[in-house]
Amino acid sequence: MVLFLAANVYFPAKYIRLKYAIKDVQLQFNRLLVWHIWLNTSSFLVACIHCYVSLWSNRWLMAALFMMGWLTFGGFLMFLKFQPGKVKKGIYLLHTQQVVFFLMIFAMLKGHYVI
């Protein structure tokens, strides 16, 4: 979960950049996007391994893993520039759903009995 949260620092930073019109930081954001891609991929792989060696009966954790996979799969499609026709907008929506992100965080916390 820590890897996943660290990987997604990109979006609050992007929001701050756009809100305050910060200039000349595109190079840093390109580097941050690369970190976003690799850390998210790593966190999904770690989550899959963690799930495999843990109890499979927790539905909250299964839901969180499914949502994490959903977001990761959409990210891979964007990274590979899979854009036939009108699919580009669908792929973008598949990957950038903030509601799914926050539901996934809630499901992870609920599944680990934190909430």
C-alpha atoms as a PDB file:
ATOM      1  CA  MET A   1       0.000   0.000   0.000  1.00  0.00           C
ATOM      2  CA  VAL A   2       2.906   2.330   0.739  1.00  0.00           C
ATOM      3  CA  LEU A   3       4.331   1.697  -2.748  1.00  0.00           C
ATOM      4  CA  PHE A   4       0.948   2.436  -4.279  1.00  0.00           C
ATOM      5  CA  LEU A   5       0.485   5.681  -2.351  1.00  0.00           C
ATOM      6  CA  ALA A   6       4.034   6.805  -3.176  1.00  0.00           C
ATOM      7  CA  ALA A   7       3.407   6.068  -6.846  1.00  0.00           C
ATOM      8  CA  ASN A   8       0.341   8.276  -6.909  1.00  0.00           C
ATOM      9  CA  VAL A   9       1.955  11.442  -5.576  1.00  0.00           C
ATOM     10  CA  TYR A  10       1.952  12.410  -9.252  1.00  0.00           C
ATOM     11  CA  PHE A  11      -1.697  13.468  -9.266  1.00  0.00           C
ATOM     12  CA  PRO A  12      -1.774  15.865  -6.295  1.00  0.00           C
ATOM     13  CA  ALA A  13       1.449  17.392  -7.638  1.00  0.00           C
ATOM     14  CA  LYS A  14      -0.133  17.784 -11.071  1.00  0.00           C
ATOM     15  CA  TYR A  15      -3.193  19.423  -9.516  1.00  0.00           C
ATOM     16  CA  ILE A  16      -1.031  21.879  -7.562  1.00  0.00           C
ATOM     17  CA  ARG A  17       0.984  22.629 -10.698  1.00  0.00           C
ATOM     18  CA  LEU A  18      -2.156  23.409 -12.703  1.00  0.00           C
ATOM     19  CA  LYS A  19      -3.891  25.356  -9.920  1.00  0.00           C
ATOM     20  CA  TYR A  20      -0.961  27.685  -9.276  1.00  0.00           C
ATOM     21  CA  ALA A  21       0.305  27.756 -12.913  1.00  0.00           C
ATOM     22  CA  ILE A  22       3.831  26.676 -12.000  1.00  0.00           C
ATOM     23  CA  LYS A  23       6.101  26.986 -15.034  1.00  0.00           C
ATOM     24  CA  ASP A  24       9.210  25.124 -16.236  1.00  0.00           C
ATOM     25  CA  VAL A  25       8.598  21.873 -14.378  1.00  0.00           C
ATOM     26  CA  GLN A  26       7.639  19.599 -17.287  1.00  0.00           C
ATOM     27  CA  LEU A  27      10.945  17.708 -17.152  1.00  0.00           C
ATOM     28  CA  GLN A  28      10.374  16.867 -13.470  1.00  0.00           C
ATOM     29  CA  PHE A  29       6.817  15.766 -14.228  1.00  0.00           C
ATOM     30  CA  ASN A  30       8.039  13.493 -17.016  1.00  0.00           C
ATOM     31  CA  ARG A  31      10.407  11.843 -14.518  1.00  0.00           C
ATOM     32  CA  LEU A  32       7.618  11.639 -11.935  1.00  0.00           C
ATOM     33  CA  LEU A  33       5.376   9.959 -14.519  1.00  0.00           C
ATOM     34  CA  VAL A  34       8.030   7.274 -15.086  1.00  0.00           C
ATOM     35  CA  TRP A  35       8.156   6.692 -11.304  1.00  0.00           C
ATOM     36  CA  HIS A  36       4.347   6.582 -11.282  1.00  0.00           C
ATOM     37  CA  ILE A  37       4.334   3.835 -13.921  1.00  0.00           C
ATOM     38  CA  TRP A  38       7.015   1.627 -12.358  1.00  0.00           C
ATOM     39  CA  LEU A  39       5.944   2.030  -8.736  1.00  0.00           C
ATOM     40  CA  ASN A  40       2.312   1.272  -9.580  1.00  0.00           C
ATOM     41  CA  THR A  41       3.344  -1.826 -11.509  1.00  0.00           C
ATOM     42  CA  SER A  42       5.559  -2.930  -8.631  1.00  0.00           C
ATOM     43  CA  SER A  43       2.856  -2.302  -6.059  1.00  0.00           C
ATOM     44  CA  PHE A  44       0.334  -4.341  -8.058  1.00  0.00           C
ATOM     45  CA  LEU A  45       2.782  -7.250  -8.311  1.00  0.00           C
ATOM     46  CA  VAL A  46       3.504  -7.048  -4.576  1.00  0.00           C
ATOM     47  CA  ALA A  47      -0.240  -6.948  -3.866  1.00  0.00           C
ATOM     48  CA  CYS A  48      -0.792 -10.051  -6.022  1.00  0.00           C
ATOM     49  CA  ILE A  49       1.967 -11.947  -4.195  1.00  0.00           C
ATOM     50  CA  HIS A  50       0.658 -10.733  -0.832  1.00  0.00           C
ATOM     51  CA  CYS A  51      -2.828 -11.905  -1.783  1.00  0.00           C
ATOM     52  CA  TYR A  52      -1.544 -15.289  -2.901  1.00  0.00           C
ATOM     53  CA  VAL A  53       0.157 -16.027   0.410  1.00  0.00           C
ATOM     54  CA  SER A  54      -2.647 -14.573   2.558  1.00  0.00           C
ATOM     55  CA  LEU A  55      -6.213 -15.590   3.250  1.00  0.00           C
ATOM     56  CA  TRP A  56      -8.417 -15.576   0.161  1.00  0.00           C
ATOM     57  CA  SER A  57     -11.670 -15.260   2.092  1.00  0.00           C
ATOM     58  CA  ASN A  58     -11.574 -11.513   2.668  1.00  0.00           C
ATOM     59  CA  ARG A  59     -13.924  -9.948   0.124  1.00  0.00           C
ATOM     60  CA  TRP A  60     -12.784  -6.397   0.821  1.00  0.00           C
ATOM     61  CA  LEU A  61      -9.216  -7.282  -0.111  1.00  0.00           C
ATOM     62  CA  MET A  62     -10.365  -9.137  -3.225  1.00  0.00           C
ATOM     63  CA  ALA A  63     -12.359  -6.045  -4.248  1.00  0.00           C
ATOM     64  CA  ALA A  64      -9.322  -3.830  -3.604  1.00  0.00           C
ATOM     65  CA  LEU A  65      -7.092  -6.133  -5.663  1.00  0.00           C
ATOM     66  CA  PHE A  66      -9.614  -6.122  -8.506  1.00  0.00           C
ATOM     67  CA  MET A  67      -9.785  -2.302  -8.489  1.00  0.00           C
ATOM     68  CA  MET A  68      -5.994  -2.056  -8.345  1.00  0.00           C
ATOM     69  CA  GLY A  69      -5.795  -4.411 -11.316  1.00  0.00           C
ATOM     70  CA  TRP A  70      -8.417  -2.327 -13.138  1.00  0.00           C
ATOM     71  CA  LEU A  71      -6.400   0.852 -12.681  1.00  0.00           C
ATOM     72  CA  THR A  72      -3.095  -0.862 -13.511  1.00  0.00           C
ATOM     73  CA  PHE A  73      -4.501  -2.445 -16.678  1.00  0.00           C
ATOM     74  CA  GLY A  74      -5.826   0.932 -17.842  1.00  0.00           C
ATOM     75  CA  GLY A  75      -2.437   2.465 -17.119  1.00  0.00           C
ATOM     76  CA  PHE A  76      -0.682  -0.194 -19.177  1.00  0.00           C
ATOM     77  CA  LEU A  77      -2.999   0.466 -22.094  1.00  0.00           C
ATOM     78  CA  MET A  78      -2.208   4.183 -21.860  1.00  0.00           C
ATOM     79  CA  PHE A  79       1.535   3.480 -21.533  1.00  0.00           C
ATOM     80  CA  LEU A  80       1.486   1.247 -24.618  1.00  0.00           C
ATOM     81  CA  LYS A  81      -0.510   3.937 -26.458  1.00  0.00           C
ATOM     82  CA  PHE A  82      -3.290   1.483 -27.343  1.00  0.00           C
ATOM     83  CA  GLN A  83      -5.571   3.961 -29.110  1.00  0.00           C
ATOM     84  CA  PRO A  84      -7.669   2.472 -31.899  1.00  0.00           C
ATOM     85  CA  GLY A  85     -10.436   4.894 -32.855  1.00  0.00           C
ATOM     86  CA  LYS A  86     -12.669   6.071 -30.026  1.00  0.00           C
ATOM     87  CA  VAL A  87     -11.104   3.699 -27.527  1.00  0.00           C
ATOM     88  CA  LYS A  88      -8.568   6.333 -26.378  1.00  0.00           C
ATOM     89  CA  LYS A  89     -11.132   8.211 -24.279  1.00  0.00           C
ATOM     90  CA  GLY A  90     -12.408   4.959 -22.786  1.00  0.00           C
ATOM     91  CA  ILE A  91      -8.894   3.901 -21.814  1.00  0.00           C
ATOM     92  CA  TYR A  92      -8.268   7.290 -20.243  1.00  0.00           C
ATOM     93  CA  LEU A  93     -11.482   6.982 -18.219  1.00  0.00           C
ATOM     94  CA  LEU A  94     -10.629   3.380 -17.304  1.00  0.00           C
ATOM     95  CA  HIS A  95      -7.352   4.499 -15.757  1.00  0.00           C
ATOM     96  CA  THR A  96      -8.150   7.889 -14.234  1.00  0.00           C
ATOM     97  CA  GLN A  97     -11.185   7.142 -12.092  1.00  0.00           C
ATOM     98  CA  GLN A  98     -10.568   8.902  -8.790  1.00  0.00           C
ATOM     99  CA  VAL A  99     -13.693   7.303  -7.331  1.00  0.00           C
ATOM    100  CA  VAL A 100     -12.246   3.845  -8.019  1.00  0.00           C
ATOM    101  CA  PHE A 101      -8.934   4.926  -6.462  1.00  0.00           C
ATOM    102  CA  PHE A 102     -10.580   6.095  -3.225  1.00  0.00           C
ATOM    103  CA  LEU A 103     -12.883   3.062  -3.101  1.00  0.00           C
ATOM    104  CA  MET A 104      -9.814   0.869  -3.496  1.00  0.00           C
ATOM    105  CA  ILE A 105      -8.035   2.629  -0.619  1.00  0.00           C
ATOM    106  CA  PHE A 106     -11.178   2.219   1.530  1.00  0.00           C
ATOM    107  CA  ALA A 107     -11.426  -1.490   0.614  1.00  0.00           C
ATOM    108  CA  MET A 108      -7.743  -2.015   1.468  1.00  0.00           C
ATOM    109  CA  LEU A 109      -8.145  -0.379   4.861  1.00  0.00           C
ATOM    110  CA  LYS A 110     -11.428  -2.172   5.563  1.00  0.00           C
ATOM    111  CA  GLY A 111      -9.950  -5.502   4.453  1.00  0.00           C
ATOM    112  CA  HIS A 112      -6.975  -5.091   6.749  1.00  0.00           C
ATOM    113  CA  TYR A 113      -9.357  -4.196   9.603  1.00  0.00           C
ATOM    114  CA  VAL A 114      -8.041  -0.658   9.942  1.00  0.00           C
ATOM    115  CA  ILE A 115     -11.472   0.964   9.528  1.00  0.00           C
END
